[in-house]
């Protein structure tokens, strides 16, 4: 069974981005895939701040991502970009860590004016790491209720998120079929 990584780039303990990622993870699990959560909060702050490429925590994240079939990366918008701590972690990873992996970006923000942060910041860095970047989903804070099991309260955004998950699943299934065919 393939594993999809949920990478949370939010430093906040009660993050909307993290809640959305968890829900998206349940959609992926419902399709028969295992989910593994990684949060930048799990990485020692000193490793991120000091850029410790050889950190055991960073090495474990690298190994986990290398074995994964796909990744879903979520971050809140800070100053029109993804979180700085997510950037610090991504900078420590090998430059091709996402090669041949579909990468679904998810961002949350307080204003529609930050919607392009997805296009101009998070998607390019995922592509630089060689991920097959999907369109992604941007959610406004008001479209999220952290108290609900499904925190996405806007029906249109929920449908877009489900559609992106289906694209991710489609890519994963095609990759699995190609891998199985190569064994025959």
Protein backbone atom coordinates (compact mmCIF):
# COMPACT_ATOMS: atom_id res chain seq x y z
CA UNK A 1 0.00 0.00 0.00
CA UNK A 2 1.30 3.44 -0.93
CA UNK A 3 1.87 6.18 1.59
CA UNK A 4 1.04 9.86 1.18
CA UNK A 5 2.76 12.38 3.42
CA UNK A 6 0.88 15.32 4.91
CA UNK A 7 3.48 18.01 5.54
CA UNK A 8 2.20 20.78 7.78
CA UNK A 9 4.13 24.02 7.55
CA UNK A 10 2.27 25.83 10.30
CA UNK A 11 4.06 26.74 13.51
CA UNK A 12 0.71 27.29 15.26
CA UNK A 13 -0.62 24.67 17.63
CA UNK A 14 -4.23 25.35 16.54
CA UNK A 15 -3.64 25.83 12.85
CA UNK A 16 -6.42 26.00 10.27
CA UNK A 17 -3.96 24.68 7.69
CA UNK A 18 -3.20 21.67 9.85
CA UNK A 19 -6.93 20.91 10.36
CA UNK A 20 -7.54 21.14 6.62
CA UNK A 21 -4.57 18.83 5.97
CA UNK A 22 -5.92 16.29 8.44
CA UNK A 23 -9.30 16.31 6.71
CA UNK A 24 -7.70 16.00 3.25
CA UNK A 25 -5.79 13.06 4.70
CA UNK A 26 -9.04 11.31 5.58
CA UNK A 27 -10.16 11.69 1.95
CA UNK A 28 -6.92 10.09 0.77
CA UNK A 29 -7.23 7.29 3.34
CA UNK A 30 -10.77 6.61 2.12
CA UNK A 31 -9.19 5.82 -1.26
CA UNK A 32 -7.03 3.10 0.32
CA UNK A 33 -3.77 4.97 0.91
CA UNK A 34 -1.84 5.20 4.15
CA UNK A 35 -1.22 8.67 5.53
CA UNK A 36 1.73 9.90 7.54
CA UNK A 37 1.73 13.32 9.19
CA UNK A 38 4.86 15.42 9.44
CA UNK A 39 4.71 18.82 11.09
CA UNK A 40 7.44 21.39 11.17
CA UNK A 41 6.57 21.54 14.86
CA UNK A 42 8.11 18.04 15.14
CA UNK A 43 11.52 19.26 13.96
CA UNK A 44 13.80 20.71 16.64
CA UNK A 45 13.82 24.49 16.31
CA UNK A 46 17.61 24.57 16.54
CA UNK A 47 17.91 22.27 13.51
CA UNK A 48 15.75 24.58 11.42
CA UNK A 49 17.30 27.82 12.68
CA UNK A 50 20.88 26.62 12.36
CA UNK A 51 20.32 24.86 9.03
CA UNK A 52 21.47 21.45 10.25
CA UNK A 53 21.40 19.29 7.12
CA UNK A 54 22.80 16.38 9.14
CA UNK A 55 20.14 16.54 11.85
CA UNK A 56 18.57 13.13 12.67
CA UNK A 57 15.10 14.73 12.49
CA UNK A 58 15.75 16.20 9.03
CA UNK A 59 17.27 12.89 7.87
CA UNK A 60 14.12 11.09 9.04
CA UNK A 61 11.90 13.53 7.13
CA UNK A 62 14.05 12.95 4.03
CA UNK A 63 13.78 9.15 4.36
CA UNK A 64 10.04 9.38 4.86
CA UNK A 65 9.57 11.60 1.80
CA UNK A 66 11.83 9.40 -0.33
CA UNK A 67 9.65 6.36 0.42
CA UNK A 68 6.36 8.21 -0.08
CA UNK A 69 4.24 7.98 -3.19
CA UNK A 70 2.94 11.53 -2.88
CA UNK A 71 2.87 14.56 -0.65
CA UNK A 72 0.31 17.13 0.40
CA UNK A 73 1.89 20.31 1.74
CA UNK A 74 -0.10 22.81 3.74
CA UNK A 75 0.84 26.23 5.05
CA UNK A 76 -0.76 29.41 6.23
CA UNK A 77 0.08 32.57 4.30
CA UNK A 78 2.54 34.85 6.08
CA UNK A 79 3.53 38.08 4.33
CA UNK A 80 2.27 36.78 0.96
CA UNK A 81 4.24 33.51 1.15
CA UNK A 82 4.29 30.15 2.91
CA UNK A 83 5.67 29.98 6.45
CA UNK A 84 9.34 30.68 7.02
CA UNK A 85 9.77 27.54 9.11
CA UNK A 86 8.45 25.46 6.21
CA UNK A 87 10.99 27.20 3.98
CA UNK A 88 13.72 26.40 6.50
CA UNK A 89 12.80 22.70 6.40
CA UNK A 90 12.45 22.54 2.61
CA UNK A 91 15.88 24.18 2.25
CA UNK A 92 17.43 21.34 4.26
CA UNK A 93 16.00 18.57 2.07
CA UNK A 94 17.71 17.09 -1.01
CA UNK A 95 16.94 19.13 -4.13
CA UNK A 96 15.15 16.23 -5.85
CA UNK A 97 13.32 14.82 -2.82
CA UNK A 98 9.92 14.98 -4.56
CA UNK A 99 11.03 13.58 -7.91
CA UNK A 100 8.26 11.48 -9.53
CA UNK A 101 5.85 12.35 -6.70
CA UNK A 102 2.60 14.24 -7.07
CA UNK A 103 2.60 17.25 -4.76
CA UNK A 104 -0.66 18.90 -3.73
CA UNK A 105 -0.21 22.38 -2.23
CA UNK A 106 -2.78 23.72 0.25
CA UNK A 107 -2.67 27.25 1.65
CA UNK A 108 -4.87 29.16 4.05
CA UNK A 109 -5.07 32.90 4.46
CA UNK A 110 -7.16 35.70 5.83
CA UNK A 111 -7.61 37.58 2.58
CA UNK A 112 -8.38 36.78 -1.05
CA UNK A 113 -5.54 39.15 -1.95
CA UNK A 114 -3.06 36.45 -0.88
CA UNK A 115 -4.51 33.82 -3.19
CA UNK A 116 -1.56 34.11 -5.57
CA UNK A 117 0.83 33.06 -2.80
CA UNK A 118 -0.03 29.51 -3.82
CA UNK A 119 1.03 30.15 -7.42
CA UNK A 120 4.06 32.34 -6.79
CA UNK A 121 5.59 30.82 -3.66
CA UNK A 122 4.55 27.29 -2.66
CA UNK A 123 4.07 25.70 -6.08
CA UNK A 124 7.45 26.90 -7.40
CA UNK A 125 9.37 25.52 -4.42
CA UNK A 126 7.60 22.14 -4.76
CA UNK A 127 8.50 22.15 -8.44
CA UNK A 128 12.11 23.01 -7.59
CA UNK A 129 12.15 19.89 -5.41
CA UNK A 130 11.03 18.04 -8.60
CA UNK A 131 7.45 17.41 -7.43
CA UNK A 132 4.65 16.95 -9.97
CA UNK A 133 2.75 19.94 -8.67
CA UNK A 134 -1.03 19.86 -8.82
CA UNK A 135 -3.19 22.98 -9.05
CA UNK A 136 -3.70 23.19 -5.29
CA UNK A 137 -6.31 24.80 -3.08
CA UNK A 138 -6.35 28.19 -1.35
CA UNK A 139 -8.80 28.58 1.53
CA UNK A 140 -9.83 31.73 3.33
CA UNK A 141 -9.82 31.53 7.11
CA UNK A 142 -13.58 32.18 7.14
CA UNK A 143 -14.09 29.03 5.03
CA UNK A 144 -12.60 26.88 7.81
CA UNK A 145 -14.09 25.84 11.15
CA UNK A 146 -11.50 24.03 13.27
CA UNK A 147 -14.19 22.62 15.55
CA UNK A 148 -15.71 20.44 12.81
CA UNK A 149 -14.48 17.03 11.64
CA UNK A 150 -14.69 18.40 8.09
CA UNK A 151 -13.36 21.91 8.69
CA UNK A 152 -14.06 23.17 5.15
CA UNK A 153 -17.42 24.93 5.50
CA UNK A 154 -17.63 26.46 2.02
CA UNK A 155 -19.20 23.97 -0.41
CA UNK A 156 -17.39 25.28 -3.51
CA UNK A 157 -14.00 25.13 -1.80
CA UNK A 158 -14.81 21.67 -0.45
CA UNK A 159 -15.63 20.47 -3.96
CA UNK A 160 -12.38 21.96 -5.31
CA UNK A 161 -10.41 20.24 -2.55
CA UNK A 162 -12.09 16.90 -3.26
CA UNK A 163 -11.38 17.32 -6.97
CA UNK A 164 -7.69 17.97 -6.27
CA UNK A 165 -7.57 14.86 -4.08
CA UNK A 166 -9.07 12.86 -6.96
CA UNK A 167 -6.35 14.20 -9.29
CA UNK A 168 -3.74 13.14 -6.76
CA UNK A 169 -5.28 9.66 -6.46
CA UNK A 170 -5.45 9.36 -10.24
CA UNK A 171 -1.73 10.10 -10.57
CA UNK A 172 -0.90 7.64 -7.79
CA UNK A 173 -2.93 4.90 -9.45
CA UNK A 174 -1.28 5.52 -12.83
CA UNK A 175 2.14 5.32 -11.21
CA UNK A 176 1.21 2.10 -9.43
CA UNK A 177 -0.09 0.58 -12.68
CA UNK A 178 3.11 1.51 -14.50
CA UNK A 179 5.21 0.03 -11.70
CA UNK A 180 3.18 -3.19 -11.70
CA UNK A 181 3.46 -3.44 -15.50
CA UNK A 182 7.24 -3.08 -15.27
CA UNK A 183 7.36 -6.15 -13.00
CA UNK A 184 5.57 -8.32 -15.59
